C-alpha atoms as a PDB file:
ATOM      1  CA  MET A   1       0.000   0.000   0.000  1.00  0.00           C
ATOM      2  CA  ASP A   2       1.296   3.430  -0.870  1.00  0.00           C
ATOM      3  CA  LEU A   3       1.919   5.737   2.074  1.00  0.00           C
ATOM      4  CA  GLY A   4       0.753   8.717   0.046  1.00  0.00           C
ATOM      5  CA  GLY A   5       4.292   9.812  -0.736  1.00  0.00           C
ATOM      6  CA  PHE A   6       5.599   9.458   2.828  1.00  0.00           C
ATOM      7  CA  ASN A   7       8.587   7.334   3.658  1.00  0.00           C
ATOM      8  CA  PRO A   8       8.532   5.193   6.823  1.00  0.00           C
ATOM      9  CA  GLN A   9      10.450   7.799   8.813  1.00  0.00           C
ATOM     10  CA  ASP A  10       7.798  10.377   7.941  1.00  0.00           C
ATOM     11  CA  ALA A  11       5.053   8.002   9.030  1.00  0.00           C
ATOM     12  CA  GLN A  12       6.904   7.200  12.245  1.00  0.00           C
ATOM     13  CA  GLN A  13       6.953  10.847  13.342  1.00  0.00           C
ATOM     14  CA  TYR A  14       3.141  10.861  13.377  1.00  0.00           C
ATOM     15  CA  LEU A  15       3.113   7.809  15.662  1.00  0.00           C
ATOM     16  CA  GLN A  16       5.141   9.500  18.420  1.00  0.00           C
ATOM     17  CA  GLY A  17       3.598   9.192  21.866  1.00  0.00           C
ATOM     18  CA  VAL A  18       1.511   6.070  21.259  1.00  0.00           C
ATOM     19  CA  ASN A  19       1.527   3.694  24.234  1.00  0.00           C
ATOM     20  CA  TRP A  20       2.452   0.368  22.623  1.00  0.00           C
ATOM     21  CA  PRO A  21       0.911  -2.116  22.161  1.00  0.00           C
ATOM     22  CA  ALA A  22      -1.995  -0.075  20.830  1.00  0.00           C
ATOM     23  CA  ASP A  23      -5.231  -0.736  18.981  1.00  0.00           C
ATOM     24  CA  LYS A  24      -6.080   0.864  15.664  1.00  0.00           C
ATOM     25  CA  GLN A  25      -8.234   3.617  17.178  1.00  0.00           C
ATOM     26  CA  GLU A  26      -5.472   4.729  19.531  1.00  0.00           C
ATOM     27  CA  VAL A  27      -2.990   4.799  16.631  1.00  0.00           C
ATOM     28  CA  VAL A  28      -5.390   6.813  14.449  1.00  0.00           C
ATOM     29  CA  ASN A  29      -6.181   9.260  17.255  1.00  0.00           C
ATOM     30  CA  LYS A  30      -2.509   9.865  18.069  1.00  0.00           C
ATOM     31  CA  ALA A  31      -1.525  10.225  14.397  1.00  0.00           C
ATOM     32  CA  GLU A  32      -4.335  12.725  13.900  1.00  0.00           C
ATOM     33  CA  GLY A  33      -3.247  14.665  16.984  1.00  0.00           C
ATOM     34  CA  ASN A  34       0.325  14.684  15.656  1.00  0.00           C
ATOM     35  CA  GLY A  35      -0.801  16.299  12.399  1.00  0.00           C
ATOM     36  CA  ALA A  36      -0.678  13.285  10.079  1.00  0.00           C
ATOM     37  CA  PRO A  37      -1.878  14.080   6.550  1.00  0.00           C
ATOM     38  CA  GLN A  38      -5.366  12.959   5.583  1.00  0.00           C
ATOM     39  CA  PRO A  39      -4.220  10.234   3.126  1.00  0.00           C
ATOM     40  CA  MET A  40      -2.212   8.555   5.880  1.00  0.00           C
ATOM     41  CA  LEU A  41      -5.125   8.797   8.323  1.00  0.00           C
ATOM     42  CA  GLU A  42      -7.436   7.162   5.776  1.00  0.00           C
ATOM     43  CA  GLN A  43      -4.970   4.320   5.287  1.00  0.00           C
ATOM     44  CA  LEU A  44      -4.657   3.844   9.045  1.00  0.00           C
ATOM     45  CA  LYS A  45      -8.440   3.710   9.379  1.00  0.00           C
ATOM     46  CA  ASN A  46      -8.565   0.999   6.696  1.00  0.00           C
ATOM     47  CA  LEU A  47      -6.106  -1.297   8.481  1.00  0.00           C
ATOM     48  CA  GLY A  48      -7.467  -4.419  10.110  1.00  0.00           C
ATOM     49  CA  GLY A  49      -8.288  -4.520  13.787  1.00  0.00           C
ATOM     50  CA  GLY A  50      -6.195  -5.987  16.553  1.00  0.00           C
ATOM     51  CA  GLN A  51      -3.165  -4.733  18.386  1.00  0.00           C
ATOM     52  CA  PHE A  52      -0.058  -3.168  16.924  1.00  0.00           C
ATOM     53  CA  SER A  53       3.199  -3.892  18.734  1.00  0.00           C
ATOM     54  CA  GLY A  54       4.954  -0.679  17.706  1.00  0.00           C
ATOM     55  CA  PRO A  55       5.490   1.844  14.927  1.00  0.00           C
ATOM     56  CA  GLN A  56       7.312  -0.651  12.697  1.00  0.00           C
ATOM     57  CA  ASP A  57       4.285  -2.975  12.919  1.00  0.00           C
ATOM     58  CA  VAL A  58       1.978  -0.162  11.755  1.00  0.00           C
ATOM     59  CA  ILE A  59       4.350   0.927   8.983  1.00  0.00           C
ATOM     60  CA  GLY A  60       4.729  -2.662   7.798  1.00  0.00           C
ATOM     61  CA  LYS A  61       0.967  -3.028   7.507  1.00  0.00           C
ATOM     62  CA  LEU A  62       0.682   0.310   5.702  1.00  0.00           C
ATOM     63  CA  GLN A  63       3.248  -0.971   3.224  1.00  0.00           C
ATOM     64  CA  GLY A  64       1.222  -4.138   2.715  1.00  0.00           C
ATOM     65  CA  GLY A  65       3.325  -6.407   4.896  1.00  0.00           C
END
């Protein structure tokens, strides 16, 4: 999945402050609060449910992993 032109380091900055492990809603809320661009927020909202272990887990899923 395309990150909307953002590299993983860009995506990671929007995930700062998340208390890991975190569910999708917590990740979306924190990314939104950190000023993530709308395309990234939409992609986060479309990820499956469950827990994410950390930012690399989220980024991997955004990249289709």
